[in-house]
PDB file of N, CA and C in Angstrom:
ATOM      1  N   MET A   1       4.851  15.875   6.657  1.00  0.00           N
ATOM      2  CA  MET A   1       5.530  14.662   7.026  1.00  0.00           C
ATOM      3  C   MET A   1       5.114  13.551   6.055  1.00  0.00           C
ATOM      4  N   ILE A   2       6.100  12.855   5.514  1.00  0.00           N
ATOM      5  CA  ILE A   2       5.838  11.748   4.599  1.00  0.00           C
ATOM      6  C   ILE A   2       5.851  10.459   5.391  1.00  0.00           C
ATOM      7  N   ILE A   3       4.816   9.675   5.207  1.00  0.00           N
ATOM      8  CA  ILE A   3       4.719   8.379   5.870  1.00  0.00           C
ATOM      9  C   ILE A   3       5.224   7.326   4.900  1.00  0.00           C
ATOM     10  N   TYR A   4       6.156   6.489   5.373  1.00  0.00           N
ATOM     11  CA  TYR A   4       6.720   5.420   4.562  1.00  0.00           C
ATOM     12  C   TYR A   4       6.811   4.166   5.424  1.00  0.00           C
ATOM     13  N   PHE A   5       6.370   3.038   4.887  1.00  0.00           N
ATOM     14  CA  PHE A   5       6.482   1.774   5.610  1.00  0.00           C
ATOM     15  C   PHE A   5       6.448   0.618   4.623  1.00  0.00           C
ATOM     16  N   SER A   6       6.898  -0.529   5.062  1.00  0.00           N
ATOM     17  CA  SER A   6       6.915  -1.745   4.248  1.00  0.00           C
ATOM     18  C   SER A   6       6.227  -2.869   4.997  1.00  0.00           C
ATOM     19  N   LYS A   7       5.692  -3.814   4.238  1.00  0.00           N
ATOM     20  CA  LYS A   7       5.028  -4.973   4.840  1.00  0.00           C
ATOM     21  C   LYS A   7       5.160  -6.155   3.885  1.00  0.00           C
ATOM     22  N   VAL A   8       5.490  -7.318   4.441  1.00  0.00           N
ATOM     23  CA  VAL A   8       5.573  -8.540   3.650  1.00  0.00           C
ATOM     24  C   VAL A   8       4.266  -9.301   3.808  1.00  0.00           C
ATOM     25  N   ILE A   9       3.634  -9.603   2.675  1.00  0.00           N
ATOM     26  CA  ILE A   9       2.403 -10.397   2.701  1.00  0.00           C
ATOM     27  C   ILE A   9       2.473 -11.417   1.563  1.00  0.00           C
ATOM     28  N   LYS A  10       1.624 -12.422   1.644  1.00  0.00           N
ATOM     29  CA  LYS A  10       1.533 -13.396   0.561  1.00  0.00           C
ATOM     30  C   LYS A  10       0.599 -12.824  -0.504  1.00  0.00           C
ATOM     31  N   ALA A  11       1.137 -12.712  -1.700  1.00  0.00           N
ATOM     32  CA  ALA A  11       0.353 -12.234  -2.840  1.00  0.00           C
ATOM     33  C   ALA A  11       0.695 -13.150  -4.007  1.00  0.00           C
ATOM     34  N   GLY A  12      -0.313 -13.722  -4.593  1.00  0.00           N
ATOM     35  CA  GLY A  12      -0.053 -14.735  -5.606  1.00  0.00           C
ATOM     36  C   GLY A  12       0.404 -16.003  -4.898  1.00  0.00           C
ATOM     37  N   GLU A  13       1.440 -16.589  -5.385  1.00  0.00           N
ATOM     38  CA  GLU A  13       1.932 -17.846  -4.820  1.00  0.00           C
ATOM     39  C   GLU A  13       3.106 -17.664  -3.857  1.00  0.00           C
ATOM     40  N   ARG A  14       3.501 -16.410  -3.574  1.00  0.00           N
ATOM     41  CA  ARG A  14       4.665 -16.220  -2.728  1.00  0.00           C
ATOM     42  C   ARG A  14       4.556 -14.968  -1.875  1.00  0.00           C
ATOM     43  N   LYS A  15       5.443 -14.860  -0.893  1.00  0.00           N
ATOM     44  CA  LYS A  15       5.489 -13.670  -0.056  1.00  0.00           C
ATOM     45  C   LYS A  15       6.251 -12.581  -0.795  1.00  0.00           C
ATOM     46  N   ARG A  16       5.738 -11.368  -0.668  1.00  0.00           N
ATOM     47  CA  ARG A  16       6.336 -10.227  -1.356  1.00  0.00           C
ATOM     48  C   ARG A  16       6.363  -9.031  -0.405  1.00  0.00           C
ATOM     49  N   GLU A  17       7.387  -8.197  -0.560  1.00  0.00           N
ATOM     50  CA  GLU A  17       7.495  -6.998   0.257  1.00  0.00           C
ATOM     51  C   GLU A  17       6.899  -5.815  -0.501  1.00  0.00           C
ATOM     52  N   PHE A  18       5.842  -5.260   0.064  1.00  0.00           N
ATOM     53  CA  PHE A  18       5.188  -4.080  -0.492  1.00  0.00           C
ATOM     54  C   PHE A  18       5.692  -2.858   0.261  1.00  0.00           C
ATOM     55  N   ASN A  19       6.074  -1.815  -0.477  1.00  0.00           N
ATOM     56  CA  ASN A  19       6.545  -0.562   0.101  1.00  0.00           C
ATOM     57  C   ASN A  19       5.480   0.502  -0.126  1.00  0.00           C
ATOM     58  N   PHE A  20       5.087   1.181   0.935  1.00  0.00           N
ATOM     59  CA  PHE A  20       4.030   2.181   0.889  1.00  0.00           C
ATOM     60  C   PHE A  20       4.620   3.556   1.192  1.00  0.00           C
ATOM     61  N   ARG A  21       4.226   4.551   0.408  1.00  0.00           N
ATOM     62  CA  ARG A  21       4.660   5.932   0.666  1.00  0.00           C
ATOM     63  C   ARG A  21       3.464   6.845   0.465  1.00  0.00           C
ATOM     64  N   GLN A  22       3.125   7.589   1.524  1.00  0.00           N
ATOM     65  CA  GLN A  22       1.998   8.516   1.421  1.00  0.00           C
ATOM     66  C   GLN A  22       2.407   9.659   0.499  1.00  0.00           C
ATOM     67  N   LEU A  23       1.536  10.001  -0.438  1.00  0.00           N
ATOM     68  CA  LEU A  23       1.830  11.076  -1.374  1.00  0.00           C
ATOM     69  C   LEU A  23       1.467  12.416  -0.736  1.00  0.00           C
ATOM     70  N   PRO A  24       2.435  13.329  -0.674  1.00  0.00           N
ATOM     71  CA  PRO A  24       2.175  14.627  -0.049  1.00  0.00           C
ATOM     72  C   PRO A  24       1.353  15.525  -0.968  1.00  0.00           C
ATOM     73  N   ASN A  25       0.641  16.429  -0.354  1.00  0.00           N
ATOM     74  CA  ASN A  25      -0.089  17.480  -1.060  1.00  0.00           C
ATOM     75  C   ASN A  25      -1.110  16.986  -2.064  1.00  0.00           C
ATOM     76  N   SER A  26      -1.606  15.777  -1.881  1.00  0.00           N
ATOM     77  CA  SER A  26      -2.684  15.335  -2.758  1.00  0.00           C
ATOM     78  C   SER A  26      -4.000  15.754  -2.099  1.00  0.00           C
ATOM     79  N   GLY A  27      -5.011  16.012  -2.913  1.00  0.00           N
ATOM     80  CA  GLY A  27      -6.282  16.478  -2.389  1.00  0.00           C
ATOM     81  C   GLY A  27      -7.004  15.435  -1.557  1.00  0.00           C
ATOM     82  N   ASP A  28      -6.613  14.188  -1.709  1.00  0.00           N
ATOM     83  CA  ASP A  28      -7.211  13.114  -0.933  1.00  0.00           C
ATOM     84  C   ASP A  28      -6.090  12.214  -0.426  1.00  0.00           C
ATOM     85  N   GLU A  29      -6.450  11.198   0.317  1.00  0.00           N
ATOM     86  CA  GLU A  29      -5.450  10.278   0.826  1.00  0.00           C
ATOM     87  C   GLU A  29      -5.031   9.332  -0.296  1.00  0.00           C
ATOM     88  N   ARG A  30      -3.740   9.343  -0.607  1.00  0.00           N
ATOM     89  CA  ARG A  30      -3.201   8.464  -1.637  1.00  0.00           C
ATOM     90  C   ARG A  30      -1.855   7.922  -1.183  1.00  0.00           C
ATOM     91  N   TYR A  31      -1.591   6.692  -1.592  1.00  0.00           N
ATOM     92  CA  TYR A  31      -0.310   6.057  -1.324  1.00  0.00           C
ATOM     93  C   TYR A  31       0.266   5.547  -2.626  1.00  0.00           C
ATOM     94  N   SER A  32       1.573   5.731  -2.792  1.00  0.00           N
ATOM     95  CA  SER A  32       2.306   5.084  -3.869  1.00  0.00           C
ATOM     96  C   SER A  32       2.791   3.763  -3.293  1.00  0.00           C
ATOM     97  N   VAL A  33       2.602   2.693  -4.040  1.00  0.00           N
ATOM     98  CA  VAL A  33       2.984   1.361  -3.580  1.00  0.00           C
ATOM     99  C   VAL A  33       3.888   0.747  -4.639  1.00  0.00           C
ATOM    100  N   ASP A  34       4.968   0.106  -4.189  1.00  0.00           N
ATOM    101  CA  ASP A  34       5.793  -0.625  -5.144  1.00  0.00           C
ATOM    102  C   ASP A  34       6.138  -1.988  -4.575  1.00  0.00           C
ATOM    103  N   VAL A  35       6.302  -2.943  -5.498  1.00  0.00           N
ATOM    104  CA  VAL A  35       6.557  -4.334  -5.140  1.00  0.00           C
ATOM    105  C   VAL A  35       7.282  -4.985  -6.315  1.00  0.00           C
ATOM    106  N   PRO A  36       8.260  -5.858  -6.046  1.00  0.00           N
ATOM    107  CA  PRO A  36       8.907  -6.538  -7.169  1.00  0.00           C
ATOM    108  C   PRO A  36       8.030  -7.676  -7.704  1.00  0.00           C
ATOM    109  N   ASP A  37       8.066  -7.853  -9.024  1.00  0.00           N
ATOM    110  CA  ASP A  37       7.356  -8.991  -9.609  1.00  0.00           C
ATOM    111  C   ASP A  37       8.279 -10.208  -9.584  1.00  0.00           C
ATOM    112  N   ASP A  38       7.867 -11.291 -10.223  1.00  0.00           N
ATOM    113  CA  ASP A  38       8.641 -12.527 -10.204  1.00  0.00           C
ATOM    114  C   ASP A  38      10.013 -12.400 -10.875  1.00  0.00           C
ATOM    115  N   LYS A  39      10.169 -11.415 -11.751  1.00  0.00           N
ATOM    116  CA  LYS A  39      11.442 -11.216 -12.446  1.00  0.00           C
ATOM    117  C   LYS A  39      12.297 -10.146 -11.777  1.00  0.00           C
ATOM    118  N   GLY A  40      11.824  -9.586 -10.673  1.00  0.00           N
ATOM    119  CA  GLY A  40      12.585  -8.561  -9.963  1.00  0.00           C
ATOM    120  C   GLY A  40      12.301  -7.144 -10.430  1.00  0.00           C
ATOM    121  N   ASN A  41      11.408  -6.974 -11.394  1.00  0.00           N
ATOM    122  CA  ASN A  41      11.028  -5.637 -11.857  1.00  0.00           C
ATOM    123  C   ASN A  41      10.033  -5.022 -10.888  1.00  0.00           C
ATOM    124  N   ARG A  42      10.158  -3.738 -10.633  1.00  0.00           N
ATOM    125  CA  ARG A  42       9.245  -3.053  -9.725  1.00  0.00           C
ATOM    126  C   ARG A  42       7.917  -2.764 -10.403  1.00  0.00           C
ATOM    127  N   VAL A  43       6.844  -3.111  -9.716  1.00  0.00           N
ATOM    128  CA  VAL A  43       5.503  -2.739 -10.151  1.00  0.00           C
ATOM    129  C   VAL A  43       5.097  -1.593  -9.232  1.00  0.00           C
ATOM    130  N   ILE A  44       4.817  -0.433  -9.820  1.00  0.00           N
ATOM    131  CA  ILE A  44       4.481   0.759  -9.047  1.00  0.00           C
ATOM    132  C   ILE A  44       3.048   1.154  -9.370  1.00  0.00           C
ATOM    133  N   PHE A  45       2.273   1.395  -8.330  1.00  0.00           N
ATOM    134  CA  PHE A  45       0.879   1.790  -8.516  1.00  0.00           C
ATOM    135  C   PHE A  45       0.449   2.652  -7.345  1.00  0.00           C
ATOM    136  N   GLN A  46      -0.721   3.244  -7.450  1.00  0.00           N
ATOM    137  CA  GLN A  46      -1.256   4.075  -6.374  1.00  0.00           C
ATOM    138  C   GLN A  46      -2.504   3.445  -5.799  1.00  0.00           C
ATOM    139  N   MET A  47      -2.729   3.740  -4.519  1.00  0.00           N
ATOM    140  CA  MET A  47      -3.974   3.346  -3.855  1.00  0.00           C
ATOM    141  C   MET A  47      -4.620   4.603  -3.304  1.00  0.00           C
ATOM    142  N   PHE A  48      -5.937   4.653  -3.371  1.00  0.00           N
ATOM    143  CA  PHE A  48      -6.689   5.805  -2.878  1.00  0.00           C
ATOM    144  C   PHE A  48      -7.910   5.310  -2.116  1.00  0.00           C
ATOM    145  N   ARG A  49      -8.444   6.185  -1.268  1.00  0.00           N
ATOM    146  CA  ARG A  49      -9.657   5.855  -0.523  1.00  0.00           C
ATOM    147  C   ARG A  49     -10.863   6.224  -1.382  1.00  0.00           C
ATOM    148  N   SER A  50     -11.712   5.247  -1.638  1.00  0.00           N
ATOM    149  CA  SER A  50     -12.899   5.464  -2.468  1.00  0.00           C
ATOM    150  C   SER A  50     -13.959   6.238  -1.680  1.00  0.00           C
ATOM    151  N   ASP A  51     -15.005   6.642  -2.380  1.00  0.00           N
ATOM    152  CA  ASP A  51     -16.114   7.352  -1.724  1.00  0.00           C
ATOM    153  C   ASP A  51     -16.773   6.505  -0.643  1.00  0.00           C
ATOM    154  N   GLU A  52     -16.676   5.180  -0.782  1.00  0.00           N
ATOM    155  CA  GLU A  52     -17.245   4.265   0.210  1.00  0.00           C
ATOM    156  C   GLU A  52     -16.304   4.045   1.389  1.00  0.00           C
ATOM    157  N   GLY A  53     -15.093   4.639   1.338  1.00  0.00           N
ATOM    158  CA  GLY A  53     -14.144   4.505   2.436  1.00  0.00           C
ATOM    159  C   GLY A  53     -13.216   3.312   2.321  1.00  0.00           C
ATOM    160  N   ARG A  54     -13.248   2.601   1.189  1.00  0.00           N
ATOM    161  CA  ARG A  54     -12.374   1.440   0.978  1.00  0.00           C
ATOM    162  C   ARG A  54     -11.157   1.861   0.176  1.00  0.00           C
ATOM    163  N   TRP A  55     -10.026   1.203   0.436  1.00  0.00           N
ATOM    164  CA  TRP A  55      -8.800   1.464  -0.316  1.00  0.00           C
ATOM    165  C   TRP A  55      -8.857   0.693  -1.626  1.00  0.00           C
ATOM    166  N   LYS A  56      -8.582   1.389  -2.723  1.00  0.00           N
ATOM    167  CA  LYS A  56      -8.652   0.805  -4.060  1.00  0.00           C
ATOM    168  C   LYS A  56      -7.362   1.098  -4.818  1.00  0.00           C
ATOM    169  N   THR A  57      -7.008   0.215  -5.748  1.00  0.00           N
ATOM    170  CA  THR A  57      -5.879   0.494  -6.631  1.00  0.00           C
ATOM    171  C   THR A  57      -6.349   1.453  -7.714  1.00  0.00           C
ATOM    172  N   ALA A  58      -5.470   2.364  -8.110  1.00  0.00           N
ATOM    173  CA  ALA A  58      -5.838   3.370  -9.100  1.00  0.00           C
ATOM    174  C   ALA A  58      -5.590   2.893 -10.529  1.00  0.00           C
ATOM    175  N   ASN A  59      -4.967   1.735 -10.689  1.00  0.00           N
ATOM    176  CA  ASN A  59      -4.615   1.238 -12.016  1.00  0.00           C
ATOM    177  C   ASN A  59      -5.230  -0.143 -12.211  1.00  0.00           C
ATOM    178  N   GLU A  60      -6.037  -0.295 -13.242  1.00  0.00           N
ATOM    179  CA  GLU A  60      -6.686  -1.581 -13.476  1.00  0.00           C
ATOM    180  C   GLU A  60      -5.815  -2.550 -14.263  1.00  0.00           C
ATOM    181  N   ALA A  61      -4.692  -2.085 -14.826  1.00  0.00           N
ATOM    182  CA  ALA A  61      -3.821  -2.944 -15.627  1.00  0.00           C
ATOM    183  C   ALA A  61      -2.718  -3.549 -14.768  1.00  0.00           C
ATOM    184  N   LEU A  62      -3.051  -3.945 -13.568  1.00  0.00           N
ATOM    185  CA  LEU A  62      -2.078  -4.537 -12.651  1.00  0.00           C
ATOM    186  C   LEU A  62      -2.130  -6.050 -12.741  1.00  0.00           C
ATOM    187  N   PRO A  63      -1.027  -6.712 -12.360  1.00  0.00           N
ATOM    188  CA  PRO A  63      -1.068  -8.180 -12.317  1.00  0.00           C
ATOM    189  C   PRO A  63      -2.209  -8.667 -11.416  1.00  0.00           C
ATOM    190  N   VAL A  64      -2.732  -9.829 -11.744  1.00  0.00           N
ATOM    191  CA  VAL A  64      -3.862 -10.390 -11.003  1.00  0.00           C
ATOM    192  C   VAL A  64      -3.523 -10.552  -9.521  1.00  0.00           C
ATOM    193  N   TRP A  65      -2.272 -10.934  -9.199  1.00  0.00           N
ATOM    194  CA  TRP A  65      -1.911 -11.154  -7.805  1.00  0.00           C
ATOM    195  C   TRP A  65      -1.967  -9.862  -6.997  1.00  0.00           C
ATOM    196  N   ILE A  66      -1.775  -8.703  -7.641  1.00  0.00           N
ATOM    197  CA  ILE A  66      -1.948  -7.422  -6.934  1.00  0.00           C
ATOM    198  C   ILE A  66      -3.432  -7.120  -6.799  1.00  0.00           C
ATOM    199  N   GLN A  67      -4.196  -7.311  -7.856  1.00  0.00           N
ATOM    200  CA  GLN A  67      -5.639  -7.068  -7.797  1.00  0.00           C
ATOM    201  C   GLN A  67      -6.287  -7.904  -6.699  1.00  0.00           C
ATOM    202  N   ASN A  68      -5.862  -9.162  -6.580  1.00  0.00           N
ATOM    203  CA  ASN A  68      -6.428 -10.050  -5.563  1.00  0.00           C
ATOM    204  C   ASN A  68      -6.005  -9.668  -4.153  1.00  0.00           C
ATOM    205  N   ALA A  69      -4.909  -8.934  -4.022  1.00  0.00           N
ATOM    206  CA  ALA A  69      -4.407  -8.519  -2.706  1.00  0.00           C
ATOM    207  C   ALA A  69      -4.910  -7.133  -2.306  1.00  0.00           C
ATOM    208  N   GLU A  70      -5.761  -6.520  -3.114  1.00  0.00           N
ATOM    209  CA  GLU A  70      -6.205  -5.146  -2.870  1.00  0.00           C
ATOM    210  C   GLU A  70      -6.789  -4.958  -1.468  1.00  0.00           C
ATOM    211  N   GLU A  71      -7.639  -5.855  -1.041  1.00  0.00           N
ATOM    212  CA  GLU A  71      -8.249  -5.729   0.287  1.00  0.00           C
ATOM    213  C   GLU A  71      -7.190  -5.825   1.385  1.00  0.00           C
ATOM    214  N   ASP A  72      -6.266  -6.773   1.250  1.00  0.00           N
ATOM    215  CA  ASP A  72      -5.183  -6.911   2.232  1.00  0.00           C
ATOM    216  C   ASP A  72      -4.321  -5.652   2.274  1.00  0.00           C
ATOM    217  N   LEU A  73      -4.018  -5.084   1.106  1.00  0.00           N
ATOM    218  CA  LEU A  73      -3.210  -3.865   1.054  1.00  0.00           C
ATOM    219  C   LEU A  73      -3.934  -2.707   1.732  1.00  0.00           C
ATOM    220  N   GLY A  74      -5.231  -2.604   1.512  1.00  0.00           N
ATOM    221  CA  GLY A  74      -6.018  -1.566   2.182  1.00  0.00           C
ATOM    222  C   GLY A  74      -6.025  -1.750   3.687  1.00  0.00           C
ATOM    223  N   ASN A  75      -6.132  -2.990   4.130  1.00  0.00           N
ATOM    224  CA  ASN A  75      -6.101  -3.265   5.571  1.00  0.00           C
ATOM    225  C   ASN A  75      -4.750  -2.887   6.177  1.00  0.00           C
ATOM    226  N   ILE A  76      -3.667  -3.114   5.440  1.00  0.00           N
ATOM    227  CA  ILE A  76      -2.336  -2.748   5.924  1.00  0.00           C
ATOM    228  C   ILE A  76      -2.237  -1.237   6.095  1.00  0.00           C
ATOM    229  N   ILE A  77      -2.741  -0.487   5.130  1.00  0.00           N
ATOM    230  CA  ILE A  77      -2.724   0.978   5.251  1.00  0.00           C
ATOM    231  C   ILE A  77      -3.522   1.403   6.464  1.00  0.00           C
ATOM    232  N   GLU A  78      -4.715   0.836   6.636  1.00  0.00           N
ATOM    233  CA  GLU A  78      -5.550   1.186   7.789  1.00  0.00           C
ATOM    234  C   GLU A  78      -4.848   0.874   9.105  1.00  0.00           C
ATOM    235  N   GLU A  79      -4.250  -0.309   9.200  1.00  0.00           N
ATOM    236  CA  GLU A  79      -3.555  -0.700  10.425  1.00  0.00           C
ATOM    237  C   GLU A  79      -2.414   0.259  10.726  1.00  0.00           C
ATOM    238  N   HIS A  80      -1.679   0.628   9.699  1.00  0.00           N
ATOM    239  CA  HIS A  80      -0.529   1.498   9.910  1.00  0.00           C
ATOM    240  C   HIS A  80      -0.949   2.913  10.313  1.00  0.00           C
ATOM    241  N   THR A  81      -1.995   3.419   9.688  1.00  0.00           N
ATOM    242  CA  THR A  81      -2.396   4.795   9.976  1.00  0.00           C
ATOM    243  C   THR A  81      -3.146   4.934  11.290  1.00  0.00           C
ATOM    244  N   THR A  82      -3.651   3.825  11.846  1.00  0.00           N
ATOM    245  CA  THR A  82      -4.368   3.910  13.124  1.00  0.00           C
ATOM    246  C   THR A  82      -3.507   3.504  14.302  1.00  0.00           C
ATOM    247  N   GLU A  83      -2.249   3.081  14.049  1.00  0.00           N
ATOM    248  CA  GLU A  83      -1.367   2.724  15.154  1.00  0.00           C
ATOM    249  C   GLU A  83      -1.019   3.970  15.957  1.00  0.00           C
ATOM    250  N   ALA A  84      -0.897   3.781  17.246  1.00  0.00           N
ATOM    251  CA  ALA A  84      -0.495   4.895  18.095  1.00  0.00           C
ATOM    252  C   ALA A  84       0.979   5.192  17.866  1.00  0.00           C
ATOM    253  N   PRO A  85       1.372   6.470  17.850  1.00  0.00           N
ATOM    254  CA  PRO A  85       2.781   6.785  17.675  1.00  0.00           C
ATOM    255  C   PRO A  85       3.591   6.300  18.867  1.00  0.00           C
ATOM    256  N   PRO A  86       4.880   5.969  18.633  1.00  0.00           N
ATOM    257  CA  PRO A  86       5.696   5.491  19.763  1.00  0.00           C
ATOM    258  C   PRO A  86       5.886   6.595  20.796  1.00  0.00           C
ATOM    259  N   PRO A  87       6.037   6.204  22.087  1.00  0.00           N
ATOM    260  CA  PRO A  87       6.214   7.225  23.116  1.00  0.00           C
ATOM    261  C   PRO A  87       7.535   7.960  22.909  1.00  0.00           C
ATOM    262  N   ARG A  88       7.528   9.250  23.249  1.00  0.00           N
ATOM    263  CA  ARG A  88       8.727  10.066  23.114  1.00  0.00           C
ATOM    264  C   ARG A  88       9.639   9.854  24.303  1.00  0.00           C
ATOM    265  N   ARG A  89      10.918   9.794  24.019  1.00  0.00           N
ATOM    266  CA  ARG A  89      11.888   9.659  25.100  1.00  0.00           C
ATOM    267  C   ARG A  89      12.332  11.042  25.549  1.00  0.00           C
ATOM    268  N   ARG A  90      12.627  11.124  26.818  1.00  0.00           N
ATOM    269  CA  ARG A  90      13.101  12.414  27.345  1.00  0.00           C
ATOM    270  C   ARG A  90      14.596  12.412  27.455  1.00  0.00           C
TER     271      ARG A  90
END
């Protein structure tokens, strides 16, 4: 099952919609994340869980506003993955 979700947060000077997609069949927990920059171009990067249990970006050549939002992005992944699934209807 592929997990996909979006969240709008303030990154840099404005609110931006980040799209998260869990990568299947990876040896560890990884998410592909994409977000439009100020010109509308998609910035695509991966996040992984470090040995210390924190979510980190896998690419260091990211815009500063993404680097500064790393902790918030990790918290969003944690919140989403720990939410209880919706009740099933009969």
